[in-house]
PDB file of N, CA and C in Angstrom:
ATOM      1  N   MET A   1      99.190  98.192  99.289  1.00  0.00           N
ATOM      2  CA  MET A   1      99.740  99.325  98.580  1.00  0.00           C
ATOM      3  C   MET A   1     100.379 100.284  99.577  1.00  0.00           C
ATOM      4  N   PRO A   2     101.450 100.927  99.176  1.00  0.00           N
ATOM      5  CA  PRO A   2     102.144 101.850 100.087  1.00  0.00           C
ATOM      6  C   PRO A   2     101.418 103.188 100.240  1.00  0.00           C
ATOM      7  N   ILE A   3     101.740 103.853 101.315  1.00  0.00           N
ATOM      8  CA  ILE A   3     101.216 105.190 101.576  1.00  0.00           C
ATOM      9  C   ILE A   3     102.312 106.181 101.206  1.00  0.00           C
ATOM     10  N   TYR A   4     101.974 107.149 100.359  1.00  0.00           N
ATOM     11  CA  TYR A   4     102.924 108.179  99.949  1.00  0.00           C
ATOM     12  C   TYR A   4     102.492 109.514 100.521  1.00  0.00           C
ATOM     13  N   GLU A   5     103.485 110.332 100.873  1.00  0.00           N
ATOM     14  CA  GLU A   5     103.207 111.668 101.377  1.00  0.00           C
ATOM     15  C   GLU A   5     103.483 112.677 100.275  1.00  0.00           C
ATOM     16  N   PHE A   6     102.623 113.674 100.177  1.00  0.00           N
ATOM     17  CA  PHE A   6     102.754 114.723  99.178  1.00  0.00           C
ATOM     18  C   PHE A   6     102.644 116.093  99.842  1.00  0.00           C
ATOM     19  N   HIS A   7     103.204 117.074  99.160  1.00  0.00           N
ATOM     20  CA  HIS A   7     103.090 118.470  99.583  1.00  0.00           C
ATOM     21  C   HIS A   7     102.482 119.254  98.431  1.00  0.00           C
ATOM     22  N   CYS A   8     101.471 120.044  98.716  1.00  0.00           N
ATOM     23  CA  CYS A   8     100.821 120.860  97.695  1.00  0.00           C
ATOM     24  C   CYS A   8     101.547 122.199  97.619  1.00  0.00           C
ATOM     25  N   ARG A   9     102.021 122.536  96.443  1.00  0.00           N
ATOM     26  CA  ARG A   9     102.722 123.810  96.256  1.00  0.00           C
ATOM     27  C   ARG A   9     101.749 124.983  96.217  1.00  0.00           C
ATOM     28  N   ASN A  10     100.477 124.699  95.968  1.00  0.00           N
ATOM     29  CA  ASN A  10      99.483 125.761  95.871  1.00  0.00           C
ATOM     30  C   ASN A  10      99.010 126.228  97.252  1.00  0.00           C
ATOM     31  N   CYS A  11      98.550 125.295  98.091  1.00  0.00           N
ATOM     32  CA  CYS A  11      98.018 125.673  99.415  1.00  0.00           C
ATOM     33  C   CYS A  11      98.979 125.331 100.559  1.00  0.00           C
ATOM     34  N   HIS A  12     100.122 124.717 100.239  1.00  0.00           N
ATOM     35  CA  HIS A  12     101.178 124.381 101.211  1.00  0.00           C
ATOM     36  C   HIS A  12     100.736 123.385 102.276  1.00  0.00           C
ATOM     37  N   GLU A  13      99.770 122.554 101.958  1.00  0.00           N
ATOM     38  CA  GLU A  13      99.319 121.505 102.874  1.00  0.00           C
ATOM     39  C   GLU A  13      99.992 120.185 102.509  1.00  0.00           C
ATOM     40  N   ASP A  14     100.249 119.349 103.510  1.00  0.00           N
ATOM     41  CA  ASP A  14     100.768 118.004 103.295  1.00  0.00           C
ATOM     42  C   ASP A  14      99.611 117.016 103.387  1.00  0.00           C
ATOM     43  N   PHE A  15      99.689 115.945 102.584  1.00  0.00           N
ATOM     44  CA  PHE A  15      98.633 114.934 102.622  1.00  0.00           C
ATOM     45  C   PHE A  15      99.212 113.581 102.230  1.00  0.00           C
ATOM     46  N   GLU A  16      98.489 112.523 102.575  1.00  0.00           N
ATOM     47  CA  GLU A  16      98.915 111.152 102.284  1.00  0.00           C
ATOM     48  C   GLU A  16      97.968 110.522 101.271  1.00  0.00           C
ATOM     49  N   VAL A  17      98.540 109.649 100.435  1.00  0.00           N
ATOM     50  CA  VAL A  17      97.754 108.958  99.419  1.00  0.00           C
ATOM     51  C   VAL A  17      98.165 107.487  99.414  1.00  0.00           C
ATOM     52  N   ILE A  18      97.190 106.596  99.445  1.00  0.00           N
ATOM     53  CA  ILE A  18      97.462 105.163  99.279  1.00  0.00           C
ATOM     54  C   ILE A  18      97.332 104.883  97.791  1.00  0.00           C
ATOM     55  N   MET A  19      98.447 104.484  97.170  1.00  0.00           N
ATOM     56  CA  MET A  19      98.412 104.280  95.721  1.00  0.00           C
ATOM     57  C   MET A  19      99.489 103.313  95.284  1.00  0.00           C
ATOM     58  N   SER A  20      99.313 102.786  94.116  1.00  0.00           N
ATOM     59  CA  SER A  20     100.293 101.901  93.505  1.00  0.00           C
ATOM     60  C   SER A  20     101.463 102.740  92.998  1.00  0.00           C
ATOM     61  N   THR A  21     102.605 102.107  92.822  1.00  0.00           N
ATOM     62  CA  THR A  21     103.764 102.828  92.286  1.00  0.00           C
ATOM     63  C   THR A  21     103.539 103.241  90.842  1.00  0.00           C
ATOM     64  N   ARG A  22     102.603 102.616  90.166  1.00  0.00           N
ATOM     65  CA  ARG A  22     102.306 102.942  88.763  1.00  0.00           C
ATOM     66  C   ARG A  22     101.347 104.112  88.621  1.00  0.00           C
ATOM     67  N   ASP A  23     100.641 104.474  89.700  1.00  0.00           N
ATOM     68  CA  ASP A  23      99.675 105.575  89.636  1.00  0.00           C
ATOM     69  C   ASP A  23     100.388 106.924  89.590  1.00  0.00           C
ATOM     70  N   ALA A  24      99.760 107.880  88.932  1.00  0.00           N
ATOM     71  CA  ALA A  24     100.283 109.247  88.916  1.00  0.00           C
ATOM     72  C   ALA A  24      99.881 109.943  90.208  1.00  0.00           C
ATOM     73  N   ALA A  25     100.606 110.983  90.545  1.00  0.00           N
ATOM     74  CA  ALA A  25     100.289 111.736  91.756  1.00  0.00           C
ATOM     75  C   ALA A  25      98.894 112.323  91.638  1.00  0.00           C
ATOM     76  N   GLY A  26      98.155 112.244  92.712  1.00  0.00           N
ATOM     77  CA  GLY A  26      96.787 112.742  92.708  1.00  0.00           C
ATOM     78  C   GLY A  26      96.712 114.228  92.980  1.00  0.00           C
ATOM     79  N   GLU A  27      95.504 114.705  93.049  1.00  0.00           N
ATOM     80  CA  GLU A  27      95.323 116.113  93.339  1.00  0.00           C
ATOM     81  C   GLU A  27      95.204 116.333  94.837  1.00  0.00           C
ATOM     82  N   CYS A  28      95.472 117.541  95.241  1.00  0.00           N
ATOM     83  CA  CYS A  28      95.421 117.908  96.655  1.00  0.00           C
ATOM     84  C   CYS A  28      93.977 117.826  97.146  1.00  0.00           C
ATOM     85  N   PRO A  29      93.726 117.140  98.253  1.00  0.00           N
ATOM     86  CA  PRO A  29      92.354 117.042  98.766  1.00  0.00           C
ATOM     87  C   PRO A  29      91.860 118.354  99.382  1.00  0.00           C
ATOM     88  N   HIS A  30      92.783 119.288  99.631  1.00  0.00           N
ATOM     89  CA  HIS A  30      92.407 120.560 100.261  1.00  0.00           C
ATOM     90  C   HIS A  30      91.976 121.608  99.233  1.00  0.00           C
ATOM     91  N   CYS A  31      92.734 121.697  98.117  1.00  0.00           N
ATOM     92  CA  CYS A  31      92.427 122.742  97.126  1.00  0.00           C
ATOM     93  C   CYS A  31      92.245 122.191  95.708  1.00  0.00           C
ATOM     94  N   GLN A  32      92.367 120.883  95.534  1.00  0.00           N
ATOM     95  CA  GLN A  32      92.217 120.186  94.252  1.00  0.00           C
ATOM     96  C   GLN A  32      93.259 120.582  93.211  1.00  0.00           C
ATOM     97  N   SER A  33      94.365 121.134  93.641  1.00  0.00           N
ATOM     98  CA  SER A  33      95.451 121.480  92.729  1.00  0.00           C
ATOM     99  C   SER A  33      96.228 120.218  92.371  1.00  0.00           C
ATOM    100  N   ARG A  34      96.769 120.161  91.169  1.00  0.00           N
ATOM    101  CA  ARG A  34      97.620 119.046  90.753  1.00  0.00           C
ATOM    102  C   ARG A  34      99.102 119.407  90.875  1.00  0.00           C
ATOM    103  N   ASP A  35      99.397 120.597  91.392  1.00  0.00           N
ATOM    104  CA  ASP A  35     100.780 121.045  91.570  1.00  0.00           C
ATOM    105  C   ASP A  35     101.294 120.511  92.907  1.00  0.00           C
ATOM    106  N   THR A  36     101.610 119.215  92.918  1.00  0.00           N
ATOM    107  CA  THR A  36     102.055 118.549  94.143  1.00  0.00           C
ATOM    108  C   THR A  36     103.424 117.926  93.931  1.00  0.00           C
ATOM    109  N   GLU A  37     104.119 117.707  95.037  1.00  0.00           N
ATOM    110  CA  GLU A  37     105.409 117.016  94.983  1.00  0.00           C
ATOM    111  C   GLU A  37     105.429 115.950  96.062  1.00  0.00           C
ATOM    112  N   ARG A  38     106.077 114.858  95.746  1.00  0.00           N
ATOM    113  CA  ARG A  38     106.164 113.755  96.703  1.00  0.00           C
ATOM    114  C   ARG A  38     107.237 114.065  97.734  1.00  0.00           C
ATOM    115  N   ILE A  39     106.921 113.794  98.989  1.00  0.00           N
ATOM    116  CA  ILE A  39     107.848 114.009 100.099  1.00  0.00           C
ATOM    117  C   ILE A  39     108.490 112.669 100.430  1.00  0.00           C
ATOM    118  N   VAL A  40     109.794 112.674 100.616  1.00  0.00           N
ATOM    119  CA  VAL A  40     110.472 111.458 101.058  1.00  0.00           C
ATOM    120  C   VAL A  40     110.242 111.349 102.553  1.00  0.00           C
ATOM    121  N   SER A  41     109.593 110.275 102.958  1.00  0.00           N
ATOM    122  CA  SER A  41     109.226 110.127 104.357  1.00  0.00           C
ATOM    123  C   SER A  41     110.020 109.014 105.018  1.00  0.00           C
ATOM    124  N   PHE A  42     110.018 109.019 106.340  1.00  0.00           N
ATOM    125  CA  PHE A  42     110.679 107.974 107.104  1.00  0.00           C
ATOM    126  C   PHE A  42     109.887 106.682 106.987  1.00  0.00           C
ATOM    127  N   THR A  43     110.585 105.572 107.082  1.00  0.00           N
ATOM    128  CA  THR A  43     109.897 104.287 107.044  1.00  0.00           C
ATOM    129  C   THR A  43     109.691 103.777 108.459  1.00  0.00           C
ATOM    130  N   HIS A  44     108.727 102.929 108.606  1.00  0.00           N
ATOM    131  CA  HIS A  44     108.449 102.310 109.896  1.00  0.00           C
ATOM    132  C   HIS A  44     108.179 100.835 109.657  1.00  0.00           C
ATOM    133  N   TYR A  45     108.882 100.024 110.390  1.00  0.00           N
ATOM    134  CA  TYR A  45     108.681  98.589 110.288  1.00  0.00           C
ATOM    135  C   TYR A  45     107.979  98.122 111.542  1.00  0.00           C
ATOM    136  N   ARG A  46     106.838  97.542 111.368  1.00  0.00           N
ATOM    137  CA  ARG A  46     106.018  97.135 112.505  1.00  0.00           C
ATOM    138  C   ARG A  46     106.743  96.126 113.395  1.00  0.00           C
ATOM    139  N   ASN A  47     107.494  95.215 112.830  1.00  0.00           N
ATOM    140  CA  ASN A  47     108.143  94.162 113.605  1.00  0.00           C
ATOM    141  C   ASN A  47     109.570  94.516 114.010  1.00  0.00           C
ATOM    142  N   ALA A  48     109.964  95.753 113.895  1.00  0.00           N
ATOM    143  CA  ALA A  48     111.341  96.135 114.192  1.00  0.00           C
ATOM    144  C   ALA A  48     111.580  96.392 115.676  1.00  0.00           C
ATOM    145  N   ASP A  49     110.538  96.402 116.499  1.00  0.00           N
ATOM    146  CA  ASP A  49     110.704  96.706 117.919  1.00  0.00           C
ATOM    147  C   ASP A  49     111.669  95.748 118.597  1.00  0.00           C
ATOM    148  N   HIS A  50     111.579  94.458 118.277  1.00  0.00           N
ATOM    149  CA  HIS A  50     112.471  93.503 118.926  1.00  0.00           C
ATOM    150  C   HIS A  50     113.917  93.710 118.470  1.00  0.00           C
ATOM    151  N   TRP A  51     114.130  94.185 117.258  1.00  0.00           N
ATOM    152  CA  TRP A  51     115.493  94.457 116.801  1.00  0.00           C
ATOM    153  C   TRP A  51     116.106  95.584 117.621  1.00  0.00           C
ATOM    154  N   GLU A  52     115.308  96.610 117.890  1.00  0.00           N
ATOM    155  CA  GLU A  52     115.814  97.734 118.668  1.00  0.00           C
ATOM    156  C   GLU A  52     116.196  97.277 120.071  1.00  0.00           C
ATOM    157  N   LYS A  53     115.339  96.457 120.695  1.00  0.00           N
ATOM    158  CA  LYS A  53     115.645  95.952 122.029  1.00  0.00           C
ATOM    159  C   LYS A  53     116.921  95.123 122.006  1.00  0.00           C
ATOM    160  N   ASP A  54     117.061  94.243 120.999  1.00  0.00           N
ATOM    161  CA  ASP A  54     118.253  93.408 120.903  1.00  0.00           C
ATOM    162  C   ASP A  54     119.507  94.253 120.706  1.00  0.00           C
ATOM    163  N   MET A  55     119.408  95.286 119.870  1.00  0.00           N
ATOM    164  CA  MET A  55     120.563  96.150 119.629  1.00  0.00           C
ATOM    165  C   MET A  55     120.941  96.906 120.888  1.00  0.00           C
ATOM    166  N   LEU A  56     119.945  97.440 121.607  1.00  0.00           N
ATOM    167  CA  LEU A  56     120.234  98.179 122.834  1.00  0.00           C
ATOM    168  C   LEU A  56     120.802  97.261 123.906  1.00  0.00           C
ATOM    169  N   ASN A  57     120.284  96.041 124.006  1.00  0.00           N
ATOM    170  CA  ASN A  57     120.824  95.082 124.964  1.00  0.00           C
ATOM    171  C   ASN A  57     122.261  94.724 124.610  1.00  0.00           C
ATOM    172  N   GLY A  58     122.523  94.525 123.325  1.00  0.00           N
ATOM    173  CA  GLY A  58     123.885  94.219 122.887  1.00  0.00           C
ATOM    174  C   GLY A  58     124.839  95.363 123.178  1.00  0.00           C
ATOM    175  N   LEU A  59     124.382  96.581 122.975  1.00  0.00           N
ATOM    176  CA  LEU A  59     125.207  97.751 123.255  1.00  0.00           C
ATOM    177  C   LEU A  59     125.502  97.851 124.749  1.00  0.00           C
ATOM    178  N   ALA A  60     124.490  97.606 125.578  1.00  0.00           N
ATOM    179  CA  ALA A  60     124.676  97.651 127.035  1.00  0.00           C
ATOM    180  C   ALA A  60     125.671  96.586 127.479  1.00  0.00           C
ATOM    181  N   LEU A  61     125.559  95.368 126.928  1.00  0.00           N
ATOM    182  CA  LEU A  61     126.499  94.298 127.280  1.00  0.00           C
ATOM    183  C   LEU A  61     127.920  94.652 126.844  1.00  0.00           C
ATOM    184  N   SER A  62     128.054  95.242 125.677  1.00  0.00           N
ATOM    185  CA  SER A  62     129.367  95.641 125.177  1.00  0.00           C
ATOM    186  C   SER A  62     129.994  96.688 126.090  1.00  0.00           C
ATOM    187  N   LYS A  63     129.195  97.651 126.537  1.00  0.00           N
ATOM    188  CA  LYS A  63     129.702  98.688 127.451  1.00  0.00           C
ATOM    189  C   LYS A  63     130.107  98.071 128.786  1.00  0.00           C
ATOM    190  N   GLU A  64     129.316  97.101 129.259  1.00  0.00           N
ATOM    191  CA  GLU A  64     129.652  96.429 130.516  1.00  0.00           C
ATOM    192  C   GLU A  64     130.974  95.688 130.397  1.00  0.00           C
ATOM    193  N   LYS A  65     131.161  94.989 129.278  1.00  0.00           N
ATOM    194  CA  LYS A  65     132.410  94.260 129.062  1.00  0.00           C
ATOM    195  C   LYS A  65     133.597  95.209 129.010  1.00  0.00           C
ATOM    196  N   ASP A  66     133.435  96.338 128.306  1.00  0.00           N
ATOM    197  CA  ASP A  66     134.517  97.321 128.225  1.00  0.00           C
ATOM    198  C   ASP A  66     134.850  97.878 129.609  1.00  0.00           C
ATOM    199  N   GLN A  67     133.822  98.119 130.401  1.00  0.00           N
ATOM    200  CA  GLN A  67     134.038  98.642 131.742  1.00  0.00           C
ATOM    201  C   GLN A  67     134.762  97.612 132.618  1.00  0.00           C
ATOM    202  N   MET A  68     134.357  96.343 132.507  1.00  0.00           N
ATOM    203  CA  MET A  68     135.018  95.283 133.285  1.00  0.00           C
ATOM    204  C   MET A  68     136.487  95.157 132.882  1.00  0.00           C
ATOM    205  N   LYS A  69     136.786  95.216 131.590  1.00  0.00           N
ATOM    206  CA  LYS A  69     138.168  95.139 131.119  1.00  0.00           C
ATOM    207  C   LYS A  69     138.991  96.298 131.663  1.00  0.00           C
ATOM    208  N   ALA A  70     138.411  97.499 131.669  1.00  0.00           N
ATOM    209  CA  ALA A  70     139.123  98.671 132.177  1.00  0.00           C
ATOM    210  C   ALA A  70     139.406  98.522 133.671  1.00  0.00           C
ATOM    211  N   GLU A  71     138.427  97.997 134.411  1.00  0.00           N
ATOM    212  CA  GLU A  71     138.621  97.786 135.845  1.00  0.00           C
ATOM    213  C   GLU A  71     139.691  96.739 136.121  1.00  0.00           C
ATOM    214  N   MET A  72     139.705  95.673 135.293  1.00  0.00           N
ATOM    215  CA  MET A  72     140.713  94.617 135.479  1.00  0.00           C
ATOM    216  C   MET A  72     142.118  95.152 135.204  1.00  0.00           C
ATOM    217  N   LYS A  73     142.247  96.043 134.209  1.00  0.00           N
ATOM    218  CA  LYS A  73     143.549  96.629 133.902  1.00  0.00           C
ATOM    219  C   LYS A  73     144.042  97.495 135.054  1.00  0.00           C
ATOM    220  N   LYS A  74     143.110  98.173 135.742  1.00  0.00           N
ATOM    221  CA  LYS A  74     143.493  99.023 136.870  1.00  0.00           C
ATOM    222  C   LYS A  74     144.029  98.212 138.028  1.00  0.00           C
ATOM    223  N   THR A  75     143.507  96.994 138.238  1.00  0.00           N
ATOM    224  CA  THR A  75     143.925  96.165 139.370  1.00  0.00           C
ATOM    225  C   THR A  75     145.244  95.454 139.118  1.00  0.00           C
ATOM    226  N   ILE A  76     145.644  95.366 137.867  1.00  0.00           N
ATOM    227  CA  ILE A  76     146.899  94.656 137.555  1.00  0.00           C
ATOM    228  C   ILE A  76     148.079  95.544 137.747  1.00  0.00           C
TER     229      ILE A  76
END
């Protein structure tokens, strides 16, 4: 089940809830108020680390190629 982040409008505290998409928003664990709103949070993919490395390596290679082309144009 996903983890959702909520903000309590009553006590202004943020909290997380593990719940199904079919469940209603729960009450605030700090003040027990039901006046809460869901916060849109960033996602994190556990296996995405290798994608970042591959993208950064590809970007570095692309910059190297561009630099080599520029140097070759200067010598001609």
